[in-house]
Amino acid sequence: MNIFVGSLPFSINEADLRDSFEAYGAVSSVKIITDKFTGRSKGFGFVEMPNEAEALKAIEELNGATVSGRTIIVNKSIPKE
């Protein structure tokens, strides 16, 4: 399942984000979206988890959690059409 993670602190890196989600199960990929000109984080990213039950548990537990002083938003990613 692809998971959207928003309102991330700009200081967080992909390894930290992976660690947060691996507490709930296997993580196949993590991508923090960056500005193509500055390379700075845009404050959101995506986490891919192969097990749907673990992914739903991670969404339930992490949505609204505080990371480095910011309340993050975590939900199922809806693909663009």
N, C-alpha and C. Protein backbone atom coordinates (compact mmCIF):
# COMPACT_ATOMS: atom_id res chain seq x y z
N MET A 1 0.85 -1.18 0.00
CA MET A 1 0.00 0.00 0.00
C MET A 1 0.89 1.24 0.00
N ASN A 2 0.51 2.21 -0.80
CA ASN A 2 1.25 3.47 -0.85
C ASN A 2 0.61 4.44 0.14
N ILE A 3 1.43 5.03 0.99
CA ILE A 3 0.95 5.90 2.07
C ILE A 3 1.51 7.31 1.88
N PHE A 4 0.61 8.30 1.94
CA PHE A 4 1.01 9.71 1.89
C PHE A 4 1.33 10.18 3.30
N VAL A 5 2.43 10.91 3.44
CA VAL A 5 2.82 11.48 4.73
C VAL A 5 3.05 12.98 4.51
N GLY A 6 2.22 13.82 5.15
CA GLY A 6 2.31 15.26 4.95
C GLY A 6 2.65 16.00 6.23
N SER A 7 2.95 17.29 6.08
CA SER A 7 3.33 18.19 7.18
C SER A 7 4.59 17.71 7.88
N LEU A 8 5.49 17.11 7.10
CA LEU A 8 6.76 16.63 7.67
C LEU A 8 7.67 17.81 8.01
N PRO A 9 8.44 17.70 9.08
CA PRO A 9 9.45 18.72 9.35
C PRO A 9 10.48 18.69 8.21
N PHE A 10 10.98 19.86 7.82
CA PHE A 10 11.92 19.92 6.70
C PHE A 10 13.25 19.24 7.03
N SER A 11 13.50 19.03 8.32
CA SER A 11 14.76 18.41 8.74
C SER A 11 14.76 16.88 8.67
N ILE A 12 13.59 16.27 8.51
CA ILE A 12 13.52 14.80 8.53
C ILE A 12 14.12 14.23 7.24
N ASN A 13 14.80 13.09 7.37
CA ASN A 13 15.33 12.44 6.18
C ASN A 13 14.62 11.10 5.96
N GLU A 14 14.92 10.46 4.83
CA GLU A 14 14.21 9.24 4.47
C GLU A 14 14.48 8.11 5.46
N ALA A 15 15.68 8.04 6.01
CA ALA A 15 16.01 6.99 6.98
C ALA A 15 15.16 7.15 8.25
N ASP A 16 14.99 8.39 8.72
CA ASP A 16 14.16 8.63 9.90
C ASP A 16 12.70 8.25 9.64
N LEU A 17 12.21 8.61 8.47
CA LEU A 17 10.83 8.29 8.10
C LEU A 17 10.65 6.77 8.01
N ARG A 18 11.61 6.09 7.42
CA ARG A 18 11.57 4.62 7.31
C ARG A 18 11.51 4.00 8.71
N ASP A 19 12.34 4.50 9.63
CA ASP A 19 12.36 3.97 11.00
C ASP A 19 11.00 4.09 11.67
N SER A 20 10.34 5.22 11.46
CA SER A 20 9.02 5.45 12.06
C SER A 20 8.01 4.40 11.59
N PHE A 21 8.06 4.07 10.31
CA PHE A 21 7.09 3.12 9.75
C PHE A 21 7.49 1.67 9.98
N GLU A 22 8.78 1.38 10.07
CA GLU A 22 9.22 0.00 10.28
C GLU A 22 8.80 -0.54 11.65
N ALA A 23 8.43 0.34 12.57
CA ALA A 23 7.91 -0.10 13.86
C ALA A 23 6.60 -0.87 13.68
N TYR A 24 5.94 -0.70 12.52
CA TYR A 24 4.65 -1.33 12.26
C TYR A 24 4.73 -2.48 11.25
N GLY A 25 5.88 -2.65 10.61
CA GLY A 25 6.04 -3.73 9.65
C GLY A 25 7.06 -3.41 8.58
N ALA A 26 7.10 -4.26 7.56
CA ALA A 26 8.07 -4.11 6.47
C ALA A 26 7.77 -2.88 5.63
N VAL A 27 8.83 -2.17 5.24
CA VAL A 27 8.72 -0.99 4.38
C VAL A 27 9.52 -1.29 3.11
N SER A 28 8.87 -1.19 1.95
CA SER A 28 9.58 -1.49 0.71
C SER A 28 10.23 -0.25 0.10
N SER A 29 9.67 0.95 0.34
CA SER A 29 10.33 2.16 -0.16
C SER A 29 9.84 3.40 0.60
N VAL A 30 10.72 4.41 0.61
CA VAL A 30 10.42 5.69 1.24
C VAL A 30 10.92 6.78 0.30
N LYS A 31 10.10 7.80 0.05
CA LYS A 31 10.50 8.89 -0.82
C LYS A 31 9.99 10.21 -0.25
N ILE A 32 10.91 11.10 0.13
CA ILE A 32 10.54 12.45 0.53
C ILE A 32 10.65 13.32 -0.72
N ILE A 33 9.61 14.04 -1.03
CA ILE A 33 9.57 14.87 -2.23
C ILE A 33 10.37 16.15 -1.98
N THR A 34 11.27 16.46 -2.93
CA THR A 34 12.13 17.64 -2.79
C THR A 34 11.92 18.59 -3.96
N ASP A 35 12.23 19.85 -3.72
CA ASP A 35 12.19 20.87 -4.76
C ASP A 35 13.32 20.58 -5.75
N LYS A 36 13.03 20.55 -7.04
CA LYS A 36 14.05 20.17 -8.02
C LYS A 36 15.15 21.23 -8.19
N PHE A 37 14.88 22.46 -7.76
CA PHE A 37 15.89 23.50 -7.90
C PHE A 37 16.76 23.65 -6.66
N THR A 38 16.13 23.60 -5.48
CA THR A 38 16.89 23.81 -4.24
C THR A 38 17.30 22.51 -3.57
N GLY A 39 16.61 21.41 -3.88
CA GLY A 39 16.89 20.14 -3.22
C GLY A 39 16.29 20.04 -1.83
N ARG A 40 15.60 21.10 -1.39
CA ARG A 40 14.97 21.10 -0.07
C ARG A 40 13.69 20.31 -0.06
N SER A 41 13.40 19.69 1.07
CA SER A 41 12.16 18.93 1.24
C SER A 41 10.96 19.85 1.04
N LYS A 42 9.93 19.31 0.40
CA LYS A 42 8.68 20.06 0.26
C LYS A 42 7.73 19.80 1.43
N GLY A 43 8.17 18.95 2.38
CA GLY A 43 7.36 18.70 3.58
C GLY A 43 6.38 17.56 3.46
N PHE A 44 6.52 16.75 2.40
CA PHE A 44 5.68 15.57 2.29
C PHE A 44 6.42 14.46 1.57
N GLY A 45 5.89 13.26 1.71
CA GLY A 45 6.53 12.13 1.06
C GLY A 45 5.60 10.94 0.99
N PHE A 46 6.16 9.81 0.57
CA PHE A 46 5.38 8.59 0.40
C PHE A 46 6.15 7.40 0.96
N VAL A 47 5.42 6.49 1.58
CA VAL A 47 5.99 5.26 2.14
C VAL A 47 5.21 4.11 1.53
N GLU A 48 5.92 3.12 1.03
CA GLU A 48 5.28 1.93 0.45
C GLU A 48 5.47 0.77 1.42
N MET A 49 4.34 0.16 1.82
CA MET A 49 4.37 -1.01 2.71
C MET A 49 3.65 -2.15 2.01
N PRO A 50 4.29 -3.33 1.86
CA PRO A 50 3.68 -4.43 1.12
C PRO A 50 2.49 -5.09 1.83
N ASN A 51 2.48 -5.08 3.16
CA ASN A 51 1.41 -5.73 3.91
C ASN A 51 0.32 -4.70 4.26
N GLU A 52 -0.88 -4.89 3.72
CA GLU A 52 -1.95 -3.91 3.90
C GLU A 52 -2.38 -3.75 5.36
N ALA A 53 -2.44 -4.85 6.11
CA ALA A 53 -2.83 -4.77 7.53
C ALA A 53 -1.83 -3.93 8.32
N GLU A 54 -0.53 -4.15 8.06
CA GLU A 54 0.50 -3.37 8.75
C GLU A 54 0.44 -1.90 8.33
N ALA A 55 0.17 -1.66 7.05
CA ALA A 55 0.06 -0.29 6.54
C ALA A 55 -1.09 0.45 7.21
N LEU A 56 -2.24 -0.22 7.32
CA LEU A 56 -3.41 0.41 7.94
C LEU A 56 -3.15 0.70 9.42
N LYS A 57 -2.43 -0.19 10.10
CA LYS A 57 -2.08 0.03 11.51
C LYS A 57 -1.15 1.24 11.63
N ALA A 58 -0.18 1.35 10.72
CA ALA A 58 0.75 2.49 10.73
C ALA A 58 0.00 3.80 10.49
N ILE A 59 -0.94 3.79 9.55
CA ILE A 59 -1.74 4.99 9.26
C ILE A 59 -2.53 5.39 10.51
N GLU A 60 -3.18 4.41 11.12
CA GLU A 60 -4.01 4.67 12.30
C GLU A 60 -3.17 5.24 13.45
N GLU A 61 -1.99 4.68 13.67
CA GLU A 61 -1.15 5.09 14.81
C GLU A 61 -0.40 6.39 14.55
N LEU A 62 0.05 6.62 13.32
CA LEU A 62 0.92 7.77 13.04
C LEU A 62 0.17 9.03 12.60
N ASN A 63 -1.06 8.90 12.10
CA ASN A 63 -1.80 10.09 11.69
C ASN A 63 -2.07 10.96 12.93
N GLY A 64 -1.62 12.20 12.88
CA GLY A 64 -1.79 13.10 14.02
C GLY A 64 -0.64 13.05 15.02
N ALA A 65 0.34 12.19 14.77
CA ALA A 65 1.50 12.10 15.67
C ALA A 65 2.37 13.35 15.52
N THR A 66 3.14 13.66 16.55
CA THR A 66 4.04 14.80 16.50
C THR A 66 5.45 14.34 16.20
N VAL A 67 6.05 14.94 15.16
CA VAL A 67 7.43 14.64 14.77
C VAL A 67 8.19 15.96 14.73
N SER A 68 9.19 16.08 15.57
CA SER A 68 10.01 17.31 15.64
C SER A 68 9.15 18.56 15.76
N GLY A 69 8.10 18.47 16.59
CA GLY A 69 7.25 19.63 16.85
C GLY A 69 6.15 19.86 15.83
N ARG A 70 6.05 19.02 14.81
CA ARG A 70 4.99 19.18 13.80
C ARG A 70 4.04 17.99 13.84
N THR A 71 2.75 18.26 13.71
CA THR A 71 1.74 17.21 13.67
C THR A 71 1.65 16.72 12.22
N ILE A 72 1.99 15.45 12.02
CA ILE A 72 2.01 14.92 10.65
C ILE A 72 0.64 14.36 10.25
N ILE A 73 0.43 14.33 8.94
CA ILE A 73 -0.78 13.78 8.36
C ILE A 73 -0.38 12.49 7.64
N VAL A 74 -1.06 11.41 7.94
CA VAL A 74 -0.74 10.12 7.33
C VAL A 74 -2.04 9.49 6.84
N ASN A 75 -2.11 9.21 5.53
CA ASN A 75 -3.28 8.52 5.00
C ASN A 75 -2.93 7.75 3.75
N LYS A 76 -3.88 6.93 3.32
CA LYS A 76 -3.68 6.12 2.11
C LYS A 76 -3.53 7.05 0.91
N SER A 77 -2.50 6.81 0.12
CA SER A 77 -2.28 7.63 -1.07
C SER A 77 -3.27 7.26 -2.14
N ILE A 78 -3.88 8.27 -2.75
CA ILE A 78 -4.83 8.05 -3.84
C ILE A 78 -4.12 8.42 -5.15
N PRO A 79 -3.94 7.46 -6.05
CA PRO A 79 -3.20 7.75 -7.30
C PRO A 79 -3.91 8.79 -8.15
N LYS A 80 -3.09 9.61 -8.84
CA LYS A 80 -3.65 10.58 -9.79
C LYS A 80 -4.25 9.84 -10.96
N GLU A 81 -5.30 10.40 -11.52
CA GLU A 81 -5.92 9.76 -12.68
C GLU A 81 -5.42 10.38 -13.96
